[in-house]
N, C-alpha and C. Protein backbone atom coordinates (compact mmCIF):
# COMPACT_ATOMS: atom_id res chain seq x y z
N MET A 1 0.78 -1.13 -0.07
CA MET A 1 -0.04 -0.03 0.04
C MET A 1 0.91 1.30 0.03
N THR A 2 0.67 2.10 -0.95
CA THR A 2 1.39 3.36 -1.07
C THR A 2 0.92 4.36 0.07
N PRO A 3 1.77 5.02 0.79
CA PRO A 3 1.16 5.98 1.73
C PRO A 3 0.89 7.28 0.88
N VAL A 4 -0.11 7.96 1.60
CA VAL A 4 -0.69 9.17 0.98
C VAL A 4 0.21 10.34 1.49
N SER A 5 0.78 11.05 0.48
CA SER A 5 1.59 12.15 0.89
C SER A 5 0.74 13.40 1.37
N ALA A 6 1.38 14.37 2.13
CA ALA A 6 0.71 15.52 2.67
C ALA A 6 0.00 16.28 1.51
N GLY A 7 0.71 16.50 0.34
CA GLY A 7 0.12 17.27 -0.73
C GLY A 7 -1.01 16.44 -1.33
N ASP A 8 -0.97 15.10 -1.41
CA ASP A 8 -2.07 14.33 -2.00
C ASP A 8 -3.40 14.44 -1.00
N GLN A 9 -3.07 14.38 0.27
CA GLN A 9 -4.22 14.50 1.26
C GLN A 9 -4.87 15.91 1.17
N ALA A 10 -3.97 16.92 1.01
CA ALA A 10 -4.50 18.36 0.71
C ALA A 10 -5.38 18.39 -0.46
N ARG A 11 -4.91 17.86 -1.51
CA ARG A 11 -5.53 17.78 -2.91
C ARG A 11 -6.86 17.21 -2.96
N GLU A 12 -6.83 15.90 -2.21
CA GLU A 12 -8.14 15.16 -1.99
C GLU A 12 -9.18 15.95 -1.37
N LEU A 13 -8.85 16.71 -0.25
CA LEU A 13 -9.66 17.45 0.52
C LEU A 13 -10.28 18.57 -0.33
N ILE A 14 -9.35 19.28 -1.07
CA ILE A 14 -9.73 20.37 -1.91
C ILE A 14 -10.88 19.99 -2.85
N ASP A 15 -10.59 18.71 -3.53
CA ASP A 15 -11.51 18.24 -4.43
C ASP A 15 -12.86 17.85 -3.84
N ARG A 16 -12.87 17.38 -2.74
CA ARG A 16 -14.14 17.11 -1.97
C ARG A 16 -14.84 18.37 -1.55
N ILE A 17 -14.11 19.41 -1.36
CA ILE A 17 -14.68 20.72 -0.83
C ILE A 17 -15.32 21.25 -2.17
N ARG A 18 -14.57 21.38 -3.27
CA ARG A 18 -15.24 21.80 -4.41
C ARG A 18 -16.50 21.09 -4.85
N ALA A 19 -16.62 19.75 -4.75
CA ALA A 19 -17.61 18.92 -5.08
C ALA A 19 -18.91 19.29 -4.09
N SER A 20 -18.61 19.71 -2.91
CA SER A 20 -19.70 19.84 -1.94
C SER A 20 -20.18 21.27 -1.78
N LEU A 21 -19.43 22.22 -2.29
CA LEU A 21 -19.93 23.68 -2.28
C LEU A 21 -21.03 24.01 -3.12
N PRO A 22 -21.98 24.77 -2.62
CA PRO A 22 -23.12 25.14 -3.46
C PRO A 22 -22.51 26.15 -4.66
N GLY A 23 -23.50 26.36 -5.48
CA GLY A 23 -23.10 27.20 -6.72
C GLY A 23 -22.42 28.42 -6.30
N GLY A 24 -21.87 29.18 -7.33
CA GLY A 24 -21.18 30.32 -7.12
C GLY A 24 -19.78 30.18 -7.77
N GLN A 25 -19.05 31.25 -7.90
CA GLN A 25 -17.61 31.07 -8.49
C GLN A 25 -16.72 30.44 -7.39
N VAL A 26 -16.17 29.45 -7.66
CA VAL A 26 -15.20 28.80 -6.65
C VAL A 26 -13.80 28.76 -7.29
N ARG A 27 -12.83 29.32 -6.51
CA ARG A 27 -11.45 29.21 -7.08
C ARG A 27 -10.47 28.90 -5.95
N GLU A 28 -9.28 28.51 -6.31
CA GLU A 28 -8.20 28.19 -5.27
C GLU A 28 -7.18 29.34 -5.35
N VAL A 29 -6.70 29.75 -4.11
CA VAL A 29 -5.73 30.72 -4.11
C VAL A 29 -4.59 30.33 -3.08
N HIS A 30 -3.35 30.11 -3.50
CA HIS A 30 -2.24 29.71 -2.63
C HIS A 30 -1.84 30.96 -1.90
N MET A 31 -1.87 30.89 -0.47
CA MET A 31 -1.45 32.02 0.29
C MET A 31 -1.05 31.57 1.65
N PHE A 32 0.07 32.11 2.19
CA PHE A 32 0.59 31.88 3.49
C PHE A 32 0.66 30.28 3.84
N GLY A 33 1.12 29.48 2.89
CA GLY A 33 1.36 28.11 3.20
C GLY A 33 0.11 27.21 3.09
N VAL A 34 -1.06 27.85 2.73
CA VAL A 34 -2.31 26.98 2.58
C VAL A 34 -2.89 27.33 1.20
N ILE A 35 -3.90 26.41 0.96
CA ILE A 35 -4.66 26.76 -0.22
C ILE A 35 -6.15 27.18 0.12
N ALA A 36 -6.29 28.50 -0.17
CA ALA A 36 -7.65 29.02 0.34
C ALA A 36 -8.65 28.67 -0.85
N VAL A 37 -9.77 28.31 -0.45
CA VAL A 37 -10.96 28.03 -1.26
C VAL A 37 -11.86 29.29 -1.19
N MET A 38 -11.77 30.11 -2.33
CA MET A 38 -12.69 31.26 -2.31
C MET A 38 -14.02 31.00 -3.03
N VAL A 39 -15.05 31.52 -2.48
CA VAL A 39 -16.39 31.52 -3.09
C VAL A 39 -16.83 32.94 -3.38
N ASP A 40 -17.12 33.28 -4.70
CA ASP A 40 -17.37 34.68 -5.01
C ASP A 40 -16.37 35.63 -4.41
N ASP A 41 -15.07 35.19 -4.51
CA ASP A 41 -13.99 36.10 -4.18
C ASP A 41 -13.84 36.23 -2.66
N ALA A 42 -14.55 35.57 -1.81
CA ALA A 42 -14.27 35.65 -0.35
C ALA A 42 -13.90 34.23 0.04
N MET A 43 -12.99 34.26 1.00
CA MET A 43 -12.30 32.97 1.60
C MET A 43 -13.38 32.29 2.33
N ALA A 44 -13.67 30.95 2.00
CA ALA A 44 -14.67 30.27 2.81
C ALA A 44 -13.81 29.47 3.72
N VAL A 45 -12.80 28.55 3.20
CA VAL A 45 -11.94 27.77 4.01
C VAL A 45 -10.57 27.72 3.34
N ALA A 46 -9.62 27.24 4.19
CA ALA A 46 -8.23 27.03 3.62
C ALA A 46 -7.78 25.63 4.00
N VAL A 47 -7.14 24.87 3.13
CA VAL A 47 -6.67 23.66 3.39
C VAL A 47 -5.11 23.71 3.61
N ARG A 48 -4.81 23.00 4.82
CA ARG A 48 -3.37 23.06 5.23
C ARG A 48 -2.66 21.81 4.70
N LYS A 49 -1.40 21.79 4.60
CA LYS A 49 -0.67 20.77 3.95
C LYS A 49 -1.05 19.30 4.67
N ASP A 50 -1.29 19.40 5.98
CA ASP A 50 -1.58 18.18 6.73
C ASP A 50 -3.03 17.71 6.62
N GLY A 51 -3.83 18.40 5.84
CA GLY A 51 -5.15 17.95 5.63
C GLY A 51 -6.15 18.66 6.60
N SER A 52 -5.65 19.51 7.49
CA SER A 52 -6.50 20.07 8.43
C SER A 52 -7.20 21.26 7.71
N LEU A 53 -8.35 21.85 8.26
CA LEU A 53 -9.03 22.91 7.52
C LEU A 53 -9.05 24.14 8.46
N LEU A 54 -8.87 25.30 7.80
CA LEU A 54 -9.08 26.64 8.44
C LEU A 54 -10.47 27.08 8.02
N VAL A 55 -11.39 27.28 8.82
CA VAL A 55 -12.67 27.63 8.53
C VAL A 55 -13.04 29.13 9.16
N ARG A 56 -13.38 29.96 8.27
CA ARG A 56 -14.00 31.15 8.60
C ARG A 56 -15.37 31.18 8.94
N VAL A 57 -15.82 31.46 10.23
CA VAL A 57 -17.23 31.29 10.69
C VAL A 57 -17.67 32.61 11.30
N ASP A 58 -18.89 32.69 11.51
CA ASP A 58 -19.66 33.84 12.11
C ASP A 58 -19.15 33.81 13.59
N PRO A 59 -18.48 34.87 13.96
CA PRO A 59 -18.10 35.10 15.37
C PRO A 59 -19.24 34.70 16.41
N ALA A 60 -20.49 34.93 16.03
CA ALA A 60 -21.55 34.52 16.97
C ALA A 60 -21.70 32.98 17.10
N GLU A 61 -21.20 32.28 16.06
CA GLU A 61 -21.31 30.84 16.18
C GLU A 61 -20.07 30.12 16.73
N ASP A 62 -19.12 31.03 16.85
CA ASP A 62 -17.67 30.50 17.28
C ASP A 62 -17.54 29.59 18.47
N ALA A 63 -18.14 30.06 19.56
CA ALA A 63 -17.94 29.29 20.95
C ALA A 63 -18.66 27.96 20.71
N CYS A 64 -19.88 27.92 20.06
CA CYS A 64 -20.61 26.64 19.90
C CYS A 64 -19.79 25.71 18.92
N LEU A 65 -19.19 26.22 17.90
CA LEU A 65 -18.49 25.33 17.03
C LEU A 65 -17.20 24.81 17.71
N LEU A 66 -16.54 25.62 18.63
CA LEU A 66 -15.37 25.25 19.32
C LEU A 66 -15.61 24.10 20.38
N GLU A 67 -16.94 23.84 20.56
CA GLU A 67 -17.21 22.71 21.42
C GLU A 67 -16.93 21.32 20.84
N ASN A 68 -16.75 21.34 19.47
CA ASN A 68 -16.41 20.15 18.77
C ASN A 68 -14.97 19.75 19.31
N PRO A 69 -14.61 18.47 19.70
CA PRO A 69 -13.35 18.16 20.15
C PRO A 69 -12.28 18.19 19.16
N ASP A 70 -12.66 18.12 17.94
CA ASP A 70 -11.68 18.22 16.79
C ASP A 70 -11.44 19.67 16.25
N ALA A 71 -11.94 20.69 16.93
CA ALA A 71 -11.89 22.05 16.49
C ALA A 71 -11.15 22.80 17.62
N SER A 72 -10.38 23.81 17.06
CA SER A 72 -9.58 24.52 18.05
C SER A 72 -9.37 26.02 17.37
N ARG A 73 -9.07 26.96 18.22
CA ARG A 73 -8.87 28.38 17.77
C ARG A 73 -7.62 28.31 16.81
N ALA A 74 -7.89 28.90 15.60
CA ALA A 74 -6.77 28.87 14.71
C ALA A 74 -5.65 29.64 15.08
N GLU A 75 -4.36 29.35 14.71
CA GLU A 75 -3.37 30.12 15.13
C GLU A 75 -2.52 30.51 13.83
N MET A 76 -1.89 31.70 13.88
CA MET A 76 -1.00 32.14 12.66
C MET A 76 0.34 32.15 13.38
N GLY A 77 0.96 30.91 13.35
CA GLY A 77 2.21 30.59 14.17
C GLY A 77 1.94 30.29 15.62
N ALA A 78 2.85 29.65 16.21
CA ALA A 78 2.66 29.14 17.58
C ALA A 78 2.28 30.10 18.59
N GLY A 79 1.08 29.91 19.18
CA GLY A 79 0.60 30.95 20.20
C GLY A 79 0.01 32.27 19.75
N ARG A 80 -0.10 32.42 18.44
CA ARG A 80 -0.66 33.70 17.92
C ARG A 80 -2.14 33.34 17.45
N SER A 81 -3.07 33.69 18.28
CA SER A 81 -4.42 33.39 17.89
C SER A 81 -4.86 34.24 16.70
N MET A 82 -5.63 33.65 15.83
CA MET A 82 -6.18 34.43 14.69
C MET A 82 -7.52 35.05 15.18
N GLY A 83 -8.04 34.83 16.36
CA GLY A 83 -9.19 35.45 16.91
C GLY A 83 -10.46 34.70 16.58
N GLU A 84 -11.48 35.32 17.19
CA GLU A 84 -12.83 34.77 17.02
C GLU A 84 -13.15 34.70 15.68
N GLY A 85 -13.80 33.59 15.34
CA GLY A 85 -14.30 33.42 13.94
C GLY A 85 -13.32 32.62 12.95
N TRP A 86 -12.22 32.23 13.47
CA TRP A 86 -11.26 31.48 12.72
C TRP A 86 -11.03 30.22 13.57
N ILE A 87 -11.42 29.08 12.94
CA ILE A 87 -11.34 27.77 13.53
C ILE A 87 -10.48 26.87 12.72
N ARG A 88 -9.65 26.04 13.40
CA ARG A 88 -8.89 24.99 12.83
C ARG A 88 -9.59 23.54 13.09
N VAL A 89 -9.85 22.77 12.07
CA VAL A 89 -10.49 21.44 12.25
C VAL A 89 -9.43 20.36 11.80
N GLU A 90 -9.22 19.47 12.72
CA GLU A 90 -8.24 18.36 12.47
C GLU A 90 -8.67 17.54 11.17
N ALA A 91 -7.66 17.06 10.58
CA ALA A 91 -7.87 16.18 9.29
C ALA A 91 -8.78 15.06 9.59
N THR A 92 -8.57 14.48 10.75
CA THR A 92 -9.21 13.22 11.12
C THR A 92 -10.74 13.47 11.33
N ALA A 93 -11.10 14.59 11.63
CA ALA A 93 -12.46 14.93 11.80
C ALA A 93 -13.22 15.23 10.45
N LEU A 94 -12.61 15.17 9.22
CA LEU A 94 -13.04 15.51 7.94
C LEU A 94 -13.18 14.34 7.10
N ARG A 95 -13.05 13.13 7.72
CA ARG A 95 -13.09 11.89 6.86
C ARG A 95 -14.37 11.65 6.16
N SER A 96 -15.52 11.97 6.96
CA SER A 96 -16.74 11.74 6.38
C SER A 96 -17.25 12.90 5.54
N ASP A 97 -18.01 12.76 4.59
CA ASP A 97 -18.48 13.98 3.80
C ASP A 97 -19.62 14.72 4.63
N ALA A 98 -20.26 14.02 5.52
CA ALA A 98 -21.19 14.67 6.24
C ALA A 98 -20.51 15.74 7.20
N ALA A 99 -19.40 15.35 7.89
CA ALA A 99 -18.65 16.20 8.70
C ALA A 99 -18.09 17.39 7.95
N LEU A 100 -17.50 17.21 6.82
CA LEU A 100 -16.93 18.17 5.93
C LEU A 100 -18.09 19.13 5.53
N VAL A 101 -19.24 18.68 5.21
CA VAL A 101 -20.26 19.61 4.74
C VAL A 101 -20.70 20.41 5.93
N GLY A 102 -20.83 19.93 7.09
CA GLY A 102 -21.15 20.71 8.22
C GLY A 102 -20.25 21.93 8.46
N TRP A 103 -19.00 21.66 8.25
CA TRP A 103 -18.03 22.78 8.44
C TRP A 103 -18.15 23.84 7.23
N LEU A 104 -18.42 23.23 6.01
CA LEU A 104 -18.59 24.14 4.83
C LEU A 104 -19.92 24.92 5.06
N GLU A 105 -20.89 24.32 5.63
CA GLU A 105 -22.23 25.10 5.80
C GLU A 105 -21.91 26.26 6.74
N ALA A 106 -21.11 26.08 7.84
CA ALA A 106 -20.80 27.08 8.78
C ALA A 106 -20.07 28.25 8.07
N ALA A 107 -19.04 27.82 7.18
CA ALA A 107 -18.32 28.88 6.31
C ALA A 107 -19.21 29.57 5.42
N THR A 108 -20.17 28.88 4.78
CA THR A 108 -20.99 29.66 3.76
C THR A 108 -21.93 30.44 4.40
N ARG A 109 -22.46 30.11 5.59
CA ARG A 109 -23.43 30.88 6.37
C ARG A 109 -22.68 32.24 6.65
N HIS A 110 -21.51 32.18 7.10
CA HIS A 110 -20.83 33.53 7.31
C HIS A 110 -20.60 34.34 6.13
N LEU A 111 -20.35 33.59 4.99
CA LEU A 111 -20.07 34.43 3.67
C LEU A 111 -21.42 35.07 3.33
N ALA A 112 -22.57 34.37 3.45
CA ALA A 112 -23.91 34.85 3.16
C ALA A 112 -24.17 36.16 4.01
N GLN A 113 -23.78 36.24 5.16
CA GLN A 113 -24.09 37.28 6.00
C GLN A 113 -23.23 38.49 5.55
N ARG A 114 -21.98 38.30 5.11
CA ARG A 114 -21.13 39.31 4.78
C ARG A 114 -21.37 39.95 3.45
N LYS A 115 -22.05 39.23 2.55
CA LYS A 115 -22.39 39.78 1.14
C LYS A 115 -23.24 41.03 1.24
N PRO A 116 -22.80 42.01 0.60
CA PRO A 116 -23.62 43.38 0.61
C PRO A 116 -24.82 43.01 -0.18
N THR A 117 -25.93 43.67 0.13
CA THR A 117 -27.22 43.64 -0.55
C THR A 117 -27.11 44.85 -1.58
N HIS A 118 -27.60 44.51 -2.76
CA HIS A 118 -27.74 45.57 -3.79
C HIS A 118 -29.28 45.95 -3.93
N SER A 119 -29.42 47.20 -3.99
CA SER A 119 -30.79 47.73 -4.12
C SER A 119 -31.15 47.95 -5.61
């Protein structure tokens, strides 16, 4: 059995994310050592090399989502919190499509709130 490399693990997760996201313009952007998945030019999630996921969520949902044992406050370097609304989800928690979709829904809810309304 051939081991899965970190790059392959990240690519597989990105492919699953793209297949699970609702309509809209979806693209990938390499930044800060991650691959951000943008929906209509706003970052929804970012995939790290180890297959974990950085999820941008509504700060009002932050505390509830952090109750998940596989979720933690995202950090930009050791000990430097990214703050409320930024959550890191362990790769092991994303094995099922249902779990992945749950995190994507949290991210897209936040994006929907941020979109300006046009009159």
